[in-house]
Amino acid sequence: MTETENIAYDVVVLGAGPVGENVADRTRAAGLSTAVVESELVGGECSYWACMPSKALLRPVIARADARRLPGLSQAVQGPLDTTAVLARRDEYTSHWHDDGQVRWLDGIGADLYRGHGRLAGPRTVTVTGADGGRVTLTARHAVAVCTGTGAQLPDLPGLAEVRPWTSREATSAKHVPERLIVVGGGVVATEMATVYQALGSQVTVLVRGKGLLPRMEPFAGELVAEALTEAGADIRTGTSLGSVTRENGTVVAFTGTGDRIEADEILCATGRAPRTEDIGLETVGLEPGSWLTVDDTLRVEGSDWLYACGDVNHRALLTHQGKYQARIAGDAIGARAKGGPLQEPAPWGPHAATADHHAVPQVVFTDPEAAAVGLSLAEAEQAGHRVRAVDVELSSVAGAGLYGEGYRGRARMVVDLDEGILRGVTFVGPGVGELLHSASVAVAGQVPVDRLWHAVPSYPTISEVWLRLLEAYRG
């Protein structure tokens, strides 16, 4: 890359992960010229260090667990997983950390890729510095979209960096399985990676500062996942913080806040995420470097008529699928505004408003059992001022659960708005429930009346018959 004159586009996108790719796809569909800037791999965190590798690692773990629940098959799968094969399949799903296919996709939609570090240099202006030090300046006629995502946030402990802790990146791309692994945190990354490594042969110790796992879901979700991890051999310590950590002759030595000593080969810190906005030139447009970017429902940064922020950087819902949803909304809004469309107050649930961010965010945690939820938990609904009722059903009450596997354990909850007669949230916990979630997402996002759901007849004998059990319990 060498110094060039300014190159003008209708839209410039910072970040070529799934979110940036979707913004580019929609703006190109609107006929707008689009440049995409990426400093690492096209495809982003999700493709190489998060969603895809983690789920590739988890799938054989879950498949074996399901097989062990079936007489006639369980005896055939009592042995250990083939770690080499599991890691090799993970490598295939990350394309061995090469982005050629993703680059071809960008080319296919007609977006121009600029490799290098992109920084805002004032309104509608982005400078890109390549690996060779060369620089290109891009100007945007209509919009710049920040889609730079987040990075792992390490605990504020002196000397932690010298220990070389794992973050989600190291955990999902590891070339070996440590004999002993400490996991710090109780959220999605912590529980999923604890599930993976315990199944692959590590002795896993999980340190959870709070009362339990998966604190943003219904309490029973974390309880059921913790029970399963404990049964698998993991040591779950709630109400426990990491006090200090060192490496002694290669061994990680951690001390808890209460003084307990734990030794391990590696330590994974899964304690939160921070926005990757510290070095993208926010100060040149009056914003604070390293801050989350506050946006309206069209994903436009507050106080700006040209700057958008989609995905993790706006802190609305730190999930790949939700970021892609925001990107589709933003791309369409940018396209409409470029054509002079009226978007001053986009209607909720309309084509230019990311309404689901507030009311219908879905998430699946791919542990064993899976935990899947959409919308508000009971506590969140009550805090929001809704008059609600929680309806709980054991998943073992439906024939499909028993057929799925012996000793099936799980629970379902729907949170009913008693004034509106609609669902505010739904949670499923149990083997295989991730595939149930979209039905709940449709019900919550569509604000389907509970009385109408009575006429949505589930097929027998499937686990989805839990919908009937929930509605029967609600009607009495």
Protein backbone atom coordinates (compact mmCIF):
# COMPACT_ATOMS: atom_id res chain seq x y z
CA MET A 1 0.00 0.00 0.00
CA THR A 2 1.35 3.42 -0.93
CA GLU A 3 0.20 6.96 -0.31
CA THR A 4 -2.66 7.86 -2.66
CA GLU A 5 -5.16 10.64 -3.14
CA ASN A 6 -8.46 10.51 -1.33
CA ILE A 7 -10.76 7.81 -2.64
CA ALA A 8 -14.47 8.52 -2.29
CA TYR A 9 -17.18 5.96 -1.53
CA ASP A 10 -20.79 6.24 -0.51
CA VAL A 11 -20.12 4.11 2.59
CA VAL A 12 -16.99 3.10 4.50
CA VAL A 13 -17.20 0.17 6.93
CA LEU A 14 -14.61 -0.30 9.69
CA GLY A 15 -14.35 -4.01 10.42
CA ALA A 16 -14.98 -7.01 8.16
CA GLY A 17 -16.47 -9.41 10.66
CA PRO A 18 -20.01 -10.75 10.18
CA VAL A 19 -21.45 -7.39 11.22
CA GLY A 20 -19.35 -5.33 8.82
CA GLU A 21 -20.00 -7.84 6.05
CA ASN A 22 -23.75 -7.49 6.53
CA VAL A 23 -23.62 -3.69 6.49
CA ALA A 24 -21.69 -3.89 3.23
CA ASP A 25 -24.13 -6.43 1.80
CA ARG A 26 -27.13 -4.20 2.45
CA THR A 27 -25.53 -0.96 1.29
CA ARG A 28 -24.35 -2.67 -1.90
CA ALA A 29 -27.90 -4.01 -2.38
CA ALA A 30 -29.05 -0.39 -2.14
CA GLY A 31 -26.68 0.50 -4.96
CA LEU A 32 -24.14 2.35 -2.80
CA SER A 33 -20.40 2.04 -3.39
CA THR A 34 -18.84 0.53 -0.28
CA ALA A 35 -15.32 0.13 1.10
CA VAL A 36 -14.56 -2.31 3.92
CA VAL A 37 -11.46 -1.91 6.13
CA GLU A 38 -10.01 -4.86 8.07
CA SER A 39 -6.83 -5.13 10.13
CA GLU A 40 -6.96 -8.89 10.71
CA LEU A 41 -8.97 -11.62 8.94
CA VAL A 42 -12.07 -11.00 6.87
CA GLY A 43 -14.78 -12.86 8.76
CA GLY A 44 -13.77 -11.47 12.13
CA GLU A 45 -13.84 -12.84 15.65
CA CYS A 46 -16.85 -15.08 15.10
CA SER A 47 -15.35 -17.01 12.20
CA TYR A 48 -11.91 -17.67 13.68
CA TRP A 49 -11.92 -17.26 17.47
CA ALA A 50 -15.50 -17.41 18.74
CA CYS A 51 -18.75 -18.82 17.32
CA MET A 52 -17.45 -21.22 14.70
CA PRO A 53 -14.45 -22.79 16.46
CA SER A 54 -16.23 -22.98 19.82
CA LYS A 55 -19.26 -24.73 18.34
CA ALA A 56 -17.03 -27.05 16.31
CA LEU A 57 -15.32 -28.03 19.58
CA LEU A 58 -18.62 -28.43 21.41
CA ARG A 59 -20.48 -30.50 18.82
CA PRO A 60 -18.69 -33.84 19.42
CA VAL A 61 -18.93 -33.24 23.17
CA ILE A 62 -22.71 -32.80 22.95
CA ALA A 63 -23.14 -35.64 20.45
CA ARG A 64 -21.35 -38.05 22.78
CA ALA A 65 -23.41 -36.89 25.74
CA ASP A 66 -26.62 -37.47 23.76
CA ALA A 67 -25.44 -40.92 22.64
CA ARG A 68 -24.67 -41.91 26.22
CA ARG A 69 -28.34 -41.33 27.08
CA LEU A 70 -29.50 -44.03 24.65
CA PRO A 71 -29.57 -47.73 25.53
CA GLY A 72 -28.07 -49.74 22.71
CA LEU A 73 -25.63 -46.97 21.95
CA SER A 74 -24.31 -45.75 25.29
CA GLN A 75 -21.86 -48.64 25.74
CA ALA A 76 -20.26 -47.89 22.38
CA VAL A 77 -19.36 -44.30 23.33
CA GLN A 78 -17.93 -44.67 26.82
CA GLY A 79 -14.34 -44.10 25.72
CA PRO A 80 -12.54 -40.75 25.44
CA LEU A 81 -12.99 -38.35 22.56
CA ASP A 82 -10.33 -38.36 19.84
CA THR A 83 -8.78 -35.01 20.71
CA THR A 84 -6.68 -34.85 17.55
CA ALA A 85 -9.75 -35.37 15.37
CA VAL A 86 -11.80 -32.84 17.35
CA LEU A 87 -9.13 -30.17 16.96
CA ALA A 88 -8.66 -31.01 13.28
CA ARG A 89 -12.38 -30.55 12.59
CA ARG A 90 -12.23 -27.23 14.48
CA ASP A 91 -9.38 -26.17 12.19
CA GLU A 92 -11.48 -27.00 9.12
CA TYR A 93 -14.31 -24.80 10.37
CA THR A 94 -11.92 -21.88 10.81
CA SER A 95 -10.54 -22.50 7.30
CA HIS A 96 -7.19 -22.97 9.07
CA TRP A 97 -7.29 -19.24 9.87
CA HIS A 98 -7.23 -18.20 6.21
CA ASP A 99 -9.85 -15.79 4.89
CA ASP A 100 -9.70 -16.45 1.14
CA GLY A 101 -13.32 -17.60 0.98
CA GLN A 102 -14.60 -14.59 2.87
CA VAL A 103 -12.60 -12.26 0.64
CA ARG A 104 -14.17 -13.89 -2.42
CA TRP A 105 -17.60 -13.26 -0.92
CA LEU A 106 -16.81 -9.55 -0.46
CA ASP A 107 -15.59 -9.40 -4.04
CA GLY A 108 -18.80 -11.09 -5.13
CA ILE A 109 -21.03 -8.36 -3.70
CA GLY A 110 -18.84 -5.64 -5.23
CA ALA A 111 -17.37 -4.20 -2.03
CA ASP A 112 -13.74 -3.02 -2.03
CA LEU A 113 -11.48 -4.41 0.71
CA TYR A 114 -8.69 -2.37 2.26
CA ARG A 115 -6.35 -4.29 4.54
CA GLY A 116 -4.81 -2.29 7.34
CA HIS A 117 -5.61 -0.30 10.45
CA GLY A 118 -8.48 2.11 9.88
CA ARG A 119 -8.89 5.32 11.89
CA LEU A 120 -11.35 8.15 11.67
CA ALA A 121 -9.67 11.38 10.66
CA GLY A 122 -12.59 13.73 11.08
CA PRO A 123 -16.18 13.56 9.81
CA ARG A 124 -16.76 11.05 6.99
CA THR A 125 -13.02 10.41 6.66
CA VAL A 126 -11.05 7.23 7.35
CA THR A 127 -7.31 6.71 6.96
CA VAL A 128 -6.04 3.17 6.40
CA THR A 129 -2.44 2.32 7.29
CA GLY A 130 -1.22 -0.90 5.73
CA ALA A 131 1.35 -3.37 7.03
CA ASP A 132 3.98 -1.71 4.81
CA GLY A 133 3.30 1.70 6.34
CA GLY A 134 1.53 3.01 3.27
CA ARG A 135 -1.60 5.04 3.78
CA VAL A 136 -4.88 5.51 1.94
CA THR A 137 -7.53 8.09 2.81
CA LEU A 138 -11.16 7.14 2.24
CA THR A 139 -14.04 9.60 2.32
CA ALA A 140 -17.67 8.64 2.74
CA ARG A 141 -20.42 10.57 0.99
CA HIS A 142 -23.15 9.17 3.23
CA ALA A 143 -21.94 7.05 6.14
CA VAL A 144 -19.13 5.45 8.08
CA ALA A 145 -20.12 2.31 10.00
CA VAL A 146 -18.00 1.22 12.97
CA CYS A 147 -18.17 -2.59 13.26
CA THR A 148 -14.92 -3.28 15.12
CA GLY A 149 -16.40 -5.55 17.81
CA THR A 150 -14.93 -6.25 21.21
CA GLY A 151 -11.88 -7.87 22.76
CA ALA A 152 -11.43 -9.87 25.93
CA GLN A 153 -11.25 -7.80 29.10
CA LEU A 154 -8.81 -9.21 31.66
CA PRO A 155 -9.26 -8.83 35.41
CA ASP A 156 -7.35 -5.95 36.97
CA LEU A 157 -4.71 -8.05 38.73
CA PRO A 158 -1.05 -7.03 38.98
CA GLY A 159 1.23 -9.35 37.04
CA LEU A 160 -1.59 -11.15 35.23
CA ALA A 161 -0.15 -10.37 31.80
CA GLU A 162 3.13 -12.09 32.75
CA VAL A 163 1.20 -15.31 33.42
CA ARG A 164 0.10 -15.32 29.75
CA PRO A 165 -3.52 -16.22 30.51
CA TRP A 166 -5.82 -17.64 27.91
CA THR A 167 -8.67 -15.52 26.64
CA SER A 168 -11.46 -16.80 24.42
CA ARG A 169 -9.06 -16.61 21.46
CA GLU A 170 -6.52 -18.98 22.96
CA ALA A 171 -9.22 -21.32 24.27
CA THR A 172 -10.88 -21.72 20.88
CA SER A 173 -7.64 -22.00 18.89
CA ALA A 174 -5.52 -24.10 21.28
CA LYS A 175 -3.35 -26.84 19.77
CA HIS A 176 -3.30 -28.93 22.95
CA VAL A 177 -5.54 -29.83 25.87
CA PRO A 178 -4.07 -28.90 29.27
CA GLU A 179 -4.26 -31.51 32.00
CA ARG A 180 -5.55 -28.88 34.42
CA LEU A 181 -7.43 -25.71 33.51
CA ILE A 182 -8.71 -22.87 35.67
CA VAL A 183 -11.64 -20.96 34.19
CA VAL A 184 -12.35 -17.53 35.68
CA GLY A 185 -15.90 -16.36 35.02
CA GLY A 186 -19.43 -17.73 34.89
CA GLY A 187 -20.81 -16.48 31.60
CA VAL A 188 -21.19 -18.03 28.17
CA VAL A 189 -17.49 -18.32 27.27
CA ALA A 190 -16.65 -19.72 30.70
CA THR A 191 -19.38 -22.37 30.70
CA GLU A 192 -18.90 -23.45 27.08
CA MET A 193 -15.13 -23.75 27.36
CA ALA A 194 -15.42 -25.54 30.71
CA THR A 195 -17.73 -28.00 28.96
CA VAL A 196 -15.26 -28.51 26.10
CA TYR A 197 -12.10 -28.98 28.11
CA GLN A 198 -13.60 -31.14 30.83
CA ALA A 199 -14.89 -33.45 28.08
CA LEU A 200 -11.52 -33.46 26.31
CA GLY A 201 -9.75 -34.63 29.47
CA SER A 202 -8.82 -31.53 31.45
CA GLN A 203 -9.50 -31.23 35.15
CA VAL A 204 -11.43 -27.98 35.13
CA THR A 205 -11.88 -25.61 38.07
CA VAL A 206 -14.34 -22.76 37.54
CA LEU A 207 -14.07 -19.66 39.73
CA VAL A 208 -17.32 -17.67 39.73
CA ARG A 209 -17.40 -14.39 41.58
CA GLY A 210 -21.22 -14.31 41.69
CA LYS A 211 -23.84 -16.68 43.02
CA GLY A 212 -23.98 -18.95 39.99
CA LEU A 213 -23.39 -19.57 36.30
CA LEU A 214 -25.11 -17.71 33.45
CA PRO A 215 -26.28 -14.81 35.62
CA ARG A 216 -28.11 -13.05 32.78
CA MET A 217 -30.50 -15.95 32.28
CA GLU A 218 -33.19 -17.40 34.53
CA PRO A 219 -31.54 -18.79 37.70
CA PHE A 220 -32.46 -22.39 36.90
CA ALA A 221 -30.38 -22.24 33.69
CA GLY A 222 -27.12 -21.75 35.56
CA GLU A 223 -28.15 -24.28 38.20
CA LEU A 224 -28.78 -27.07 35.69
CA VAL A 225 -25.57 -26.33 33.78
CA ALA A 226 -23.57 -26.28 37.02
CA GLU A 227 -25.06 -29.63 38.07
CA ALA A 228 -24.05 -31.20 34.77
CA LEU A 229 -20.52 -29.78 34.85
CA THR A 230 -20.08 -31.02 38.40
CA GLU A 231 -21.30 -34.49 37.44
CA ALA A 232 -18.79 -34.46 34.57
CA GLY A 233 -15.99 -33.86 37.09
CA ALA A 234 -15.53 -30.08 37.03
CA ASP A 235 -15.02 -28.16 40.28
CA ILE A 236 -17.45 -25.20 40.33
CA ARG A 237 -16.67 -22.64 43.04
CA THR A 238 -19.26 -19.88 43.31
CA GLY A 239 -18.79 -16.74 45.37
CA THR A 240 -15.07 -17.07 44.64
CA SER A 241 -12.83 -14.41 43.15
CA LEU A 242 -9.31 -14.66 41.76
CA GLY A 243 -6.98 -12.96 44.22
CA SER A 244 -3.60 -13.39 42.57
CA VAL A 245 -1.88 -15.62 40.03
CA THR A 246 1.70 -16.45 39.05
CA ARG A 247 3.58 -19.03 37.00
CA GLU A 248 6.11 -21.16 38.82
CA ASN A 249 8.25 -23.32 36.53
CA GLY A 250 5.50 -23.27 33.94
CA THR A 251 2.70 -24.12 36.38
CA VAL A 252 -0.08 -21.62 36.99
CA VAL A 253 -0.53 -20.98 40.71
CA ALA A 254 -3.73 -19.14 41.56
CA PHE A 255 -4.89 -17.93 44.93
CA THR A 256 -8.56 -17.22 45.50
CA GLY A 257 -9.84 -14.25 47.44
CA THR A 258 -10.16 -16.53 50.46
CA GLY A 259 -6.57 -17.76 50.14
CA ASP A 260 -7.14 -21.19 48.56
CA ARG A 261 -4.27 -22.32 46.32
CA ILE A 262 -5.05 -23.91 42.94
CA GLU A 263 -2.47 -25.22 40.49
CA ALA A 264 -3.09 -25.65 36.77
CA ASP A 265 -1.37 -25.79 33.43
CA GLU A 266 -3.39 -22.92 31.96
CA ILE A 267 -5.83 -20.29 33.16
CA LEU A 268 -8.67 -18.93 31.03
CA CYS A 269 -9.99 -15.48 31.89
CA ALA A 270 -13.56 -15.14 30.62
CA THR A 271 -14.51 -12.07 32.59
CA GLY A 272 -16.07 -9.74 30.04
CA ARG A 273 -15.51 -7.80 26.85
CA ALA A 274 -14.32 -4.28 26.04
CA PRO A 275 -15.08 -2.32 22.84
CA ARG A 276 -12.37 -2.15 20.20
CA THR A 277 -12.67 1.60 19.86
CA GLU A 278 -9.51 2.73 21.67
CA ASP A 279 -7.52 3.43 18.49
CA ILE A 280 -10.00 4.19 15.73
CA GLY A 281 -9.84 8.00 15.88
CA LEU A 282 -12.97 8.69 17.90
CA GLU A 283 -11.31 11.77 19.35
CA THR A 284 -11.29 13.35 15.87
CA VAL A 285 -15.11 13.42 15.87
CA GLY A 286 -15.64 14.45 19.50
CA LEU A 287 -16.04 10.97 21.01
CA GLU A 288 -14.09 9.22 23.77
CA PRO A 289 -11.53 6.62 22.63
CA GLY A 290 -12.23 3.19 24.09
CA SER A 291 -15.88 3.99 24.78
CA TRP A 292 -19.04 2.13 23.84
CA LEU A 293 -20.91 3.97 21.10
CA THR A 294 -24.48 4.94 21.96
CA VAL A 295 -26.86 4.66 19.00
CA ASP A 296 -30.52 5.14 18.14
CA ASP A 297 -32.65 2.36 16.73
CA THR A 298 -31.35 2.98 13.19
CA LEU A 299 -27.87 2.31 14.67
CA ARG A 300 -26.76 5.89 14.05
CA VAL A 301 -24.45 7.27 16.74
CA GLU A 302 -26.21 9.85 18.86
CA GLY A 303 -25.36 13.39 17.84
CA SER A 304 -24.21 12.39 14.36
CA ASP A 305 -25.90 12.32 10.97
CA TRP A 306 -23.27 10.12 9.29
CA LEU A 307 -21.65 7.78 11.87
CA TYR A 308 -23.15 4.37 12.61
CA ALA A 309 -22.10 1.67 15.07
CA CYS A 310 -23.30 -1.93 14.75
CA GLY A 311 -22.62 -5.06 16.76
CA ASP A 312 -20.75 -5.30 20.02
CA VAL A 313 -19.38 -1.75 19.94
CA ASN A 314 -22.79 -0.28 20.75
CA HIS A 315 -23.25 -2.58 23.79
CA ARG A 316 -26.90 -3.31 22.98
CA ALA A 317 -26.60 -7.09 22.58
CA LEU A 318 -23.16 -8.70 22.37
CA LEU A 319 -24.16 -11.56 20.09
CA THR A 320 -23.11 -12.26 16.51
CA HIS A 321 -26.63 -12.85 15.23
CA GLN A 322 -27.91 -9.71 16.91
CA GLY A 323 -25.05 -7.68 15.43
CA LYS A 324 -25.89 -9.04 11.98
CA TYR A 325 -29.51 -8.05 12.54
CA GLN A 326 -28.41 -4.53 13.47
CA ALA A 327 -26.20 -4.45 10.38
CA ARG A 328 -29.14 -5.30 8.13
CA ILE A 329 -31.22 -2.56 9.75
CA ALA A 330 -28.39 -0.01 9.52
CA GLY A 331 -27.52 -0.89 5.92
CA ASP A 332 -31.13 -0.45 4.85
CA ALA A 333 -31.43 2.81 6.80
CA ILE A 334 -28.24 4.15 5.21
CA GLY A 335 -29.58 3.22 1.79
CA ALA A 336 -32.94 4.88 2.42
CA ARG A 337 -31.34 8.04 3.79
CA ALA A 338 -28.99 8.20 0.82
CA LYS A 339 -32.10 8.29 -1.38
CA GLY A 340 -33.70 10.98 0.76
CA GLY A 341 -36.10 8.69 2.61
CA PRO A 342 -38.03 9.98 5.67
CA LEU A 343 -36.49 8.29 8.70
CA GLN A 344 -36.74 10.87 11.45
CA GLU A 345 -38.70 8.56 13.79
CA PRO A 346 -38.65 5.04 12.40
CA ALA A 347 -41.55 2.96 13.63
CA PRO A 348 -40.88 0.13 16.09
CA TRP A 349 -40.65 -3.24 14.30
CA GLY A 350 -40.31 -1.36 11.01
CA PRO A 351 -37.57 -1.98 8.41
CA HIS A 352 -35.32 0.74 9.84
CA ALA A 353 -35.58 0.12 13.59
CA ALA A 354 -33.64 -2.50 15.56
CA THR A 355 -36.57 -3.09 17.90
CA ALA A 356 -35.62 -6.68 18.71
CA ASP A 357 -32.62 -5.33 20.65
CA HIS A 358 -35.07 -4.20 23.32
CA HIS A 359 -37.67 -6.95 23.34
CA ALA A 360 -36.62 -10.16 21.59
CA VAL A 361 -32.90 -10.95 21.84
CA PRO A 362 -32.33 -14.72 21.44
CA GLN A 363 -29.34 -16.64 22.75
CA VAL A 364 -28.26 -20.27 22.93
CA VAL A 365 -25.52 -21.47 25.28
CA PHE A 366 -24.18 -24.72 23.81
CA THR A 367 -23.38 -26.49 27.05
CA ASP A 368 -24.77 -29.86 28.13
CA PRO A 369 -27.59 -29.20 28.82
CA GLU A 370 -28.15 -26.36 26.38
CA ALA A 371 -29.63 -23.14 27.70
CA ALA A 372 -31.73 -21.08 25.31
CA ALA A 373 -33.65 -17.87 25.98
CA VAL A 374 -35.33 -15.00 24.19
CA GLY A 375 -36.79 -11.76 25.50
CA LEU A 376 -36.99 -10.83 29.17
CA SER A 377 -36.39 -13.02 32.17
CA LEU A 378 -38.94 -12.88 34.97
CA ALA A 379 -36.75 -10.48 36.97
CA GLU A 380 -36.14 -8.24 33.95
CA ALA A 381 -39.85 -8.10 33.11
CA GLU A 382 -40.73 -7.15 36.66
CA GLN A 383 -37.99 -4.52 36.76
CA ALA A 384 -39.38 -3.07 33.52
CA GLY A 385 -42.73 -2.58 35.24
CA HIS A 386 -44.71 -5.30 33.46
CA ARG A 387 -47.38 -7.23 35.37
CA VAL A 388 -46.28 -10.74 34.57
CA ARG A 389 -46.61 -14.38 35.55
CA ALA A 390 -43.96 -17.04 35.14
CA VAL A 391 -45.13 -20.48 34.03
CA ASP A 392 -42.67 -23.35 34.57
CA VAL A 393 -42.77 -26.90 33.20
CA GLU A 394 -40.33 -29.78 33.54
CA LEU A 395 -39.26 -30.90 30.08
CA SER A 396 -39.37 -34.51 31.21
CA SER A 397 -43.17 -34.16 31.16
CA VAL A 398 -43.26 -34.48 27.36
CA ALA A 399 -42.84 -37.76 25.52
CA GLY A 400 -40.30 -36.30 23.10
CA ALA A 401 -37.85 -35.63 25.93
CA GLY A 402 -37.90 -39.22 27.12
CA LEU A 403 -37.42 -40.44 23.57
CA TYR A 404 -34.49 -38.05 23.16
CA GLY A 405 -32.60 -39.78 25.94
CA GLU A 406 -32.90 -41.69 29.19
CA GLY A 407 -32.94 -39.55 32.32
CA TYR A 408 -33.65 -36.36 30.35
CA ARG A 409 -33.52 -33.32 32.63
CA GLY A 410 -34.64 -29.86 31.67
CA ARG A 411 -37.03 -27.03 32.33
CA ALA A 412 -39.02 -24.47 30.38
CA ARG A 413 -40.39 -21.10 31.46
CA MET A 414 -42.58 -18.58 29.71
CA VAL A 415 -43.10 -15.10 31.12
CA VAL A 416 -46.63 -13.93 30.31
CA ASP A 417 -47.65 -10.27 30.29
CA LEU A 418 -51.01 -10.40 32.07
CA ASP A 419 -52.18 -7.05 30.73
CA GLU A 420 -51.18 -7.52 27.07
CA GLY A 421 -51.78 -11.27 26.88
CA ILE A 422 -48.44 -11.86 25.14
CA LEU A 423 -45.11 -13.44 26.00
CA ARG A 424 -42.32 -11.22 27.31
CA GLY A 425 -39.75 -14.01 27.45
CA VAL A 426 -39.18 -17.75 27.11
CA THR A 427 -36.35 -19.93 28.45
CA PHE A 428 -35.58 -23.58 27.71
CA VAL A 429 -32.84 -25.62 29.41
CA GLY A 430 -32.16 -29.19 28.37
CA PRO A 431 -30.43 -31.34 25.76
CA GLY A 432 -31.26 -30.24 22.22
CA VAL A 433 -33.39 -27.22 23.16
CA GLY A 434 -31.42 -24.77 21.04
CA GLU A 435 -33.51 -25.78 18.03
CA LEU A 436 -36.69 -24.93 19.96
CA LEU A 437 -35.71 -21.33 20.44
CA HIS A 438 -36.77 -19.84 17.13
CA SER A 439 -40.38 -20.77 17.79
CA ALA A 440 -40.14 -18.73 20.98
CA SER A 441 -38.41 -15.88 19.14
CA VAL A 442 -41.28 -15.74 16.64
CA ALA A 443 -43.83 -15.70 19.47
CA VAL A 444 -42.04 -12.93 21.37
CA ALA A 445 -41.03 -10.76 18.42
CA GLY A 446 -44.42 -11.27 16.76
CA GLN A 447 -46.24 -10.47 20.01
CA VAL A 448 -48.45 -13.46 19.32
CA PRO A 449 -51.41 -13.51 21.74
CA VAL A 450 -51.26 -16.39 24.19
CA ASP A 451 -54.81 -17.30 23.21
CA ARG A 452 -53.68 -17.73 19.59
CA LEU A 453 -50.69 -19.86 20.62
CA TRP A 454 -53.25 -22.36 21.96
CA HIS A 455 -54.07 -23.06 18.30
CA ALA A 456 -50.43 -23.65 17.29
CA VAL A 457 -50.47 -27.42 17.65
CA PRO A 458 -47.07 -29.06 18.37
CA SER A 459 -46.29 -32.34 16.65
CA TYR A 460 -46.29 -35.49 18.74
CA PRO A 461 -43.95 -36.86 20.01
CA THR A 462 -41.47 -33.97 19.93
CA ILE A 463 -39.83 -31.91 22.64
CA SER A 464 -41.70 -28.91 21.20
CA GLU A 465 -44.82 -30.34 22.85
CA VAL A 466 -43.55 -28.47 25.90
CA TRP A 467 -45.42 -25.50 24.39
CA LEU A 468 -48.67 -27.35 25.03
CA ARG A 469 -47.62 -28.17 28.59
CA LEU A 470 -46.76 -24.50 29.22
CA LEU A 471 -50.10 -23.27 27.86
CA GLU A 472 -52.02 -25.91 29.81
CA ALA A 473 -50.27 -24.83 32.99
CA TYR A 474 -51.07 -21.20 32.23
CA ARG A 475 -54.76 -21.84 31.48
CA GLY A 476 -55.19 -24.15 34.48
